[in-house]
Amino acid sequence: MHSFLLQAQGGTDITGMIMMFVLVGGVFYFFMIRPQSKKAKAQKNFRESLKKGDKVVTIGGIHGRIKDQNDSTIMLETDGGAKMRIEKSAISMEMSSGDGGDASAEIEQNK
């Protein structure tokens, strides 16, 4: 019975548990929440900076050039001359700059 009472007296250190939860919360914030919010902010800024004439790629993989835009939609013209209205949120990346490059143009130049 004496050993049972000694085990019960040990108890748990509440400050240690609180520090552990704070540490885990900090790790989640700096490695998951903060980078995700930075990425969302950059994507929002990118979509707001789109202008007429930019070459873009949609989330579905459609390549085209912006012909017209409204607050939430853009008119996209593909190589075949087809025009389609899509949501700005469906734009994945810009191909006008040298970052992504136009793969089809590079293939044509290498032939």
N, C-alpha and C. Protein backbone atom coordinates (compact mmCIF):
# COMPACT_ATOMS: atom_id res chain seq x y z
N MET A 1 0.81 -1.18 0.00
CA MET A 1 0.00 0.00 0.00
C MET A 1 0.87 1.26 0.00
N HIS A 2 1.97 1.18 0.61
CA HIS A 2 2.85 2.32 0.67
C HIS A 2 3.35 2.72 -0.74
N SER A 3 3.70 1.74 -1.56
CA SER A 3 4.18 2.06 -2.92
C SER A 3 3.06 2.66 -3.76
N PHE A 4 1.83 2.28 -3.53
CA PHE A 4 0.69 2.85 -4.27
C PHE A 4 0.55 4.34 -3.95
N LEU A 5 0.72 4.72 -2.70
CA LEU A 5 0.62 6.12 -2.32
C LEU A 5 1.77 6.95 -2.89
N LEU A 6 2.93 6.37 -2.99
CA LEU A 6 4.06 7.10 -3.57
C LEU A 6 3.82 7.39 -5.05
N GLN A 7 3.24 6.43 -5.76
CA GLN A 7 2.95 6.64 -7.17
C GLN A 7 1.89 7.72 -7.34
N ALA A 8 0.92 7.76 -6.52
CA ALA A 8 -0.16 8.73 -6.63
C ALA A 8 0.32 10.13 -6.28
N GLN A 9 1.31 10.26 -5.42
CA GLN A 9 1.80 11.56 -5.03
C GLN A 9 2.63 12.22 -6.13
N GLY A 10 3.18 11.45 -7.06
CA GLY A 10 4.02 12.00 -8.11
C GLY A 10 3.24 13.01 -8.95
N GLY A 11 2.05 12.69 -9.35
CA GLY A 11 1.21 13.60 -10.11
C GLY A 11 1.84 13.99 -11.44
N THR A 12 1.17 14.89 -12.13
CA THR A 12 1.70 15.37 -13.41
C THR A 12 2.00 16.85 -13.28
N ASP A 13 2.99 17.27 -14.00
CA ASP A 13 3.39 18.67 -13.99
C ASP A 13 2.56 19.40 -15.04
N ILE A 14 1.62 20.20 -14.60
CA ILE A 14 0.69 20.89 -15.50
C ILE A 14 1.42 21.91 -16.37
N THR A 15 2.44 22.54 -15.85
CA THR A 15 3.17 23.53 -16.65
C THR A 15 3.92 22.84 -17.80
N GLY A 16 4.40 21.64 -17.57
CA GLY A 16 5.07 20.87 -18.63
C GLY A 16 4.12 20.52 -19.75
N MET A 17 2.90 20.15 -19.37
CA MET A 17 1.90 19.81 -20.39
C MET A 17 1.50 21.05 -21.19
N ILE A 18 1.34 22.18 -20.52
CA ILE A 18 0.97 23.42 -21.20
C ILE A 18 2.08 23.83 -22.16
N MET A 19 3.33 23.73 -21.72
CA MET A 19 4.46 24.07 -22.59
C MET A 19 4.51 23.16 -23.81
N MET A 20 4.20 21.89 -23.62
CA MET A 20 4.19 20.96 -24.74
C MET A 20 3.12 21.34 -25.75
N PHE A 21 1.92 21.70 -25.29
CA PHE A 21 0.85 22.12 -26.20
C PHE A 21 1.21 23.42 -26.93
N VAL A 22 1.84 24.34 -26.24
CA VAL A 22 2.27 25.59 -26.87
C VAL A 22 3.33 25.29 -27.94
N LEU A 23 4.25 24.42 -27.64
CA LEU A 23 5.29 24.04 -28.59
C LEU A 23 4.70 23.37 -29.83
N VAL A 24 3.78 22.45 -29.63
CA VAL A 24 3.13 21.78 -30.76
C VAL A 24 2.34 22.79 -31.59
N GLY A 25 1.65 23.71 -30.92
CA GLY A 25 0.92 24.76 -31.63
C GLY A 25 1.85 25.64 -32.44
N GLY A 26 3.00 25.98 -31.89
CA GLY A 26 3.99 26.78 -32.62
C GLY A 26 4.53 26.06 -33.84
N VAL A 27 4.79 24.77 -33.69
CA VAL A 27 5.27 23.98 -34.83
C VAL A 27 4.21 23.95 -35.92
N PHE A 28 2.95 23.71 -35.58
CA PHE A 28 1.87 23.71 -36.57
C PHE A 28 1.77 25.07 -37.26
N TYR A 29 1.89 26.15 -36.50
CA TYR A 29 1.76 27.48 -37.09
C TYR A 29 2.89 27.75 -38.08
N PHE A 30 4.14 27.53 -37.67
CA PHE A 30 5.28 27.89 -38.51
C PHE A 30 5.52 26.93 -39.67
N PHE A 31 5.10 25.68 -39.56
CA PHE A 31 5.35 24.73 -40.63
C PHE A 31 4.13 24.42 -41.49
N MET A 32 2.93 24.79 -41.05
CA MET A 32 1.74 24.45 -41.83
C MET A 32 0.85 25.66 -42.12
N ILE A 33 0.46 26.39 -41.12
CA ILE A 33 -0.52 27.47 -41.30
C ILE A 33 0.11 28.67 -41.98
N ARG A 34 1.24 29.13 -41.51
CA ARG A 34 1.88 30.34 -42.05
C ARG A 34 2.28 30.17 -43.52
N PRO A 35 2.96 29.09 -43.92
CA PRO A 35 3.29 28.94 -45.34
C PRO A 35 2.07 28.85 -46.24
N GLN A 36 1.01 28.20 -45.75
CA GLN A 36 -0.20 28.08 -46.55
C GLN A 36 -0.86 29.44 -46.74
N SER A 37 -0.88 30.26 -45.71
CA SER A 37 -1.48 31.59 -45.85
C SER A 37 -0.64 32.48 -46.75
N LYS A 38 0.69 32.34 -46.70
CA LYS A 38 1.56 33.09 -47.61
C LYS A 38 1.30 32.69 -49.06
N LYS A 39 1.14 31.40 -49.29
CA LYS A 39 0.88 30.91 -50.65
C LYS A 39 -0.47 31.42 -51.15
N ALA A 40 -1.48 31.41 -50.31
CA ALA A 40 -2.80 31.90 -50.70
C ALA A 40 -2.76 33.39 -51.01
N LYS A 41 -2.00 34.15 -50.23
CA LYS A 41 -1.87 35.59 -50.46
C LYS A 41 -1.15 35.86 -51.79
N ALA A 42 -0.10 35.10 -52.08
CA ALA A 42 0.62 35.27 -53.35
C ALA A 42 -0.27 34.91 -54.53
N GLN A 43 -1.07 33.86 -54.41
CA GLN A 43 -1.98 33.45 -55.48
C GLN A 43 -3.04 34.53 -55.71
N LYS A 44 -3.54 35.12 -54.64
CA LYS A 44 -4.54 36.19 -54.76
C LYS A 44 -3.94 37.40 -55.47
N ASN A 45 -2.72 37.78 -55.09
CA ASN A 45 -2.05 38.91 -55.74
C ASN A 45 -1.80 38.62 -57.22
N PHE A 46 -1.45 37.38 -57.54
CA PHE A 46 -1.23 36.98 -58.93
C PHE A 46 -2.52 37.14 -59.74
N ARG A 47 -3.62 36.66 -59.22
CA ARG A 47 -4.90 36.73 -59.94
C ARG A 47 -5.36 38.17 -60.11
N GLU A 48 -5.06 39.03 -59.15
CA GLU A 48 -5.43 40.44 -59.26
C GLU A 48 -4.56 41.18 -60.26
N SER A 49 -3.34 40.69 -60.51
CA SER A 49 -2.43 41.37 -61.41
C SER A 49 -2.57 40.93 -62.87
N LEU A 50 -3.47 39.98 -63.15
CA LEU A 50 -3.67 39.54 -64.53
C LEU A 50 -4.20 40.68 -65.37
N LYS A 51 -3.72 40.74 -66.62
CA LYS A 51 -4.17 41.81 -67.51
C LYS A 51 -4.39 41.24 -68.91
N LYS A 52 -5.02 42.01 -69.74
CA LYS A 52 -5.34 41.62 -71.10
C LYS A 52 -4.04 41.32 -71.86
N GLY A 53 -4.02 40.21 -72.57
CA GLY A 53 -2.86 39.82 -73.35
C GLY A 53 -1.94 38.82 -72.68
N ASP A 54 -2.11 38.58 -71.38
CA ASP A 54 -1.26 37.60 -70.68
C ASP A 54 -1.59 36.19 -71.15
N LYS A 55 -0.55 35.37 -71.33
CA LYS A 55 -0.75 33.95 -71.61
C LYS A 55 -0.83 33.24 -70.27
N VAL A 56 -1.86 32.42 -70.11
CA VAL A 56 -2.09 31.73 -68.84
C VAL A 56 -2.44 30.27 -69.07
N VAL A 57 -2.37 29.50 -68.00
CA VAL A 57 -2.78 28.10 -67.99
C VAL A 57 -3.82 27.94 -66.89
N THR A 58 -4.92 27.27 -67.20
CA THR A 58 -5.95 27.04 -66.19
C THR A 58 -5.61 25.81 -65.36
N ILE A 59 -6.36 25.62 -64.30
CA ILE A 59 -6.17 24.45 -63.45
C ILE A 59 -6.42 23.17 -64.23
N GLY A 60 -7.31 23.24 -65.22
CA GLY A 60 -7.61 22.07 -66.06
C GLY A 60 -6.59 21.84 -67.16
N GLY A 61 -5.58 22.71 -67.29
CA GLY A 61 -4.53 22.52 -68.28
C GLY A 61 -4.77 23.21 -69.61
N ILE A 62 -5.75 24.09 -69.69
CA ILE A 62 -6.04 24.81 -70.93
C ILE A 62 -5.12 26.02 -71.03
N HIS A 63 -4.41 26.12 -72.16
CA HIS A 63 -3.52 27.25 -72.42
C HIS A 63 -4.26 28.27 -73.26
N GLY A 64 -4.08 29.54 -72.95
CA GLY A 64 -4.73 30.57 -73.73
C GLY A 64 -4.23 31.95 -73.37
N ARG A 65 -4.79 32.95 -74.06
CA ARG A 65 -4.44 34.34 -73.85
C ARG A 65 -5.68 35.08 -73.37
N ILE A 66 -5.50 35.97 -72.40
CA ILE A 66 -6.62 36.73 -71.85
C ILE A 66 -7.04 37.78 -72.87
N LYS A 67 -8.32 37.76 -73.25
CA LYS A 67 -8.87 38.73 -74.19
C LYS A 67 -9.68 39.80 -73.49
N ASP A 68 -10.34 39.47 -72.39
CA ASP A 68 -11.19 40.41 -71.66
C ASP A 68 -11.32 39.89 -70.23
N GLN A 69 -11.60 40.80 -69.29
CA GLN A 69 -11.79 40.36 -67.92
C GLN A 69 -12.78 41.24 -67.18
N ASN A 70 -13.49 40.62 -66.26
CA ASN A 70 -14.41 41.30 -65.36
C ASN A 70 -13.87 41.16 -63.94
N ASP A 71 -14.72 41.41 -62.95
CA ASP A 71 -14.28 41.28 -61.57
C ASP A 71 -13.91 39.84 -61.22
N SER A 72 -14.74 38.88 -61.64
CA SER A 72 -14.50 37.51 -61.23
C SER A 72 -14.28 36.54 -62.39
N THR A 73 -14.45 36.97 -63.64
CA THR A 73 -14.26 36.08 -64.78
C THR A 73 -13.33 36.70 -65.81
N ILE A 74 -12.79 35.84 -66.66
CA ILE A 74 -11.98 36.31 -67.78
C ILE A 74 -12.43 35.60 -69.05
N MET A 75 -12.20 36.24 -70.20
CA MET A 75 -12.44 35.63 -71.50
C MET A 75 -11.09 35.14 -71.99
N LEU A 76 -10.99 33.84 -72.21
CA LEU A 76 -9.74 33.21 -72.59
C LEU A 76 -9.84 32.76 -74.04
N GLU A 77 -8.85 33.09 -74.86
CA GLU A 77 -8.82 32.66 -76.25
C GLU A 77 -7.69 31.64 -76.42
N THR A 78 -8.04 30.47 -76.96
CA THR A 78 -7.05 29.42 -77.16
C THR A 78 -6.42 29.56 -78.54
N ASP A 79 -5.44 28.72 -78.86
CA ASP A 79 -4.73 28.79 -80.14
C ASP A 79 -5.66 28.61 -81.34
N GLY A 80 -6.66 27.78 -81.21
CA GLY A 80 -7.59 27.53 -82.31
C GLY A 80 -8.59 28.66 -82.52
N GLY A 81 -8.53 29.69 -81.72
CA GLY A 81 -9.45 30.81 -81.84
C GLY A 81 -10.70 30.66 -81.00
N ALA A 82 -10.83 29.56 -80.30
CA ALA A 82 -12.00 29.35 -79.45
C ALA A 82 -11.91 30.27 -78.25
N LYS A 83 -13.05 30.83 -77.86
CA LYS A 83 -13.11 31.71 -76.70
C LYS A 83 -13.97 31.06 -75.63
N MET A 84 -13.55 31.18 -74.40
CA MET A 84 -14.33 30.64 -73.30
C MET A 84 -14.21 31.55 -72.09
N ARG A 85 -15.30 31.69 -71.38
CA ARG A 85 -15.32 32.50 -70.18
C ARG A 85 -15.11 31.57 -68.99
N ILE A 86 -14.11 31.91 -68.17
CA ILE A 86 -13.80 31.08 -67.00
C ILE A 86 -13.64 31.97 -65.78
N GLU A 87 -13.71 31.38 -64.62
CA GLU A 87 -13.52 32.09 -63.36
C GLU A 87 -12.03 32.40 -63.17
N LYS A 88 -11.73 33.52 -62.57
CA LYS A 88 -10.33 33.88 -62.28
C LYS A 88 -9.68 32.86 -61.35
N SER A 89 -10.48 32.27 -60.49
CA SER A 89 -9.93 31.30 -59.54
C SER A 89 -9.45 30.03 -60.24
N ALA A 90 -9.81 29.84 -61.53
CA ALA A 90 -9.38 28.66 -62.27
C ALA A 90 -8.04 28.87 -62.95
N ILE A 91 -7.45 30.06 -62.84
CA ILE A 91 -6.15 30.32 -63.45
C ILE A 91 -5.06 29.75 -62.55
N SER A 92 -4.19 28.95 -63.13
CA SER A 92 -3.14 28.30 -62.37
C SER A 92 -1.85 29.09 -62.39
N MET A 93 -1.37 29.46 -63.59
CA MET A 93 -0.10 30.18 -63.68
C MET A 93 -0.03 31.00 -64.95
N GLU A 94 0.89 31.92 -64.96
CA GLU A 94 1.10 32.77 -66.13
C GLU A 94 2.24 32.19 -66.95
N MET A 95 2.07 32.21 -68.27
CA MET A 95 3.10 31.68 -69.15
C MET A 95 3.80 32.78 -69.94
N SER A 96 3.41 34.05 -69.78
CA SER A 96 4.01 35.16 -70.54
C SER A 96 5.44 35.41 -70.13
N SER A 97 5.73 35.28 -68.85
CA SER A 97 7.07 35.58 -68.36
C SER A 97 8.02 34.43 -68.68
N GLY A 98 9.29 34.64 -68.45
CA GLY A 98 10.29 33.62 -68.73
C GLY A 98 10.32 32.51 -67.71
N ASP A 99 9.52 32.60 -66.65
CA ASP A 99 9.54 31.59 -65.59
C ASP A 99 9.14 30.22 -66.12
N GLY A 100 7.90 30.15 -66.64
CA GLY A 100 7.39 28.87 -67.11
C GLY A 100 7.74 28.63 -68.55
N GLY A 101 7.70 29.69 -69.34
CA GLY A 101 8.00 29.55 -70.76
C GLY A 101 6.88 28.85 -71.48
N ASP A 102 6.85 29.02 -72.79
CA ASP A 102 5.85 28.35 -73.61
C ASP A 102 6.50 27.12 -74.21
N ALA A 103 6.14 25.95 -73.72
CA ALA A 103 6.78 24.70 -74.13
C ALA A 103 6.56 24.44 -75.62
N SER A 104 5.38 24.75 -76.16
CA SER A 104 5.12 24.48 -77.57
C SER A 104 5.99 25.37 -78.46
N ALA A 105 6.22 26.62 -78.05
CA ALA A 105 7.09 27.51 -78.83
C ALA A 105 8.53 27.02 -78.80
N GLU A 106 8.99 26.50 -77.66
CA GLU A 106 10.34 25.99 -77.58
C GLU A 106 10.53 24.77 -78.45
N ILE A 107 9.52 23.91 -78.52
CA ILE A 107 9.60 22.71 -79.36
C ILE A 107 9.69 23.11 -80.82
N GLU A 108 8.88 24.09 -81.23
CA GLU A 108 8.89 24.55 -82.61
C GLU A 108 10.24 25.16 -82.97
N GLN A 109 10.86 25.88 -82.06
CA GLN A 109 12.15 26.51 -82.34
C GLN A 109 13.26 25.46 -82.46
N ASN A 110 13.15 24.36 -81.73
CA ASN A 110 14.19 23.35 -81.76
C ASN A 110 14.12 22.44 -82.98
N LYS A 111 13.03 22.49 -83.74
CA LYS A 111 12.88 21.62 -84.91
C LYS A 111 13.72 22.09 -86.05
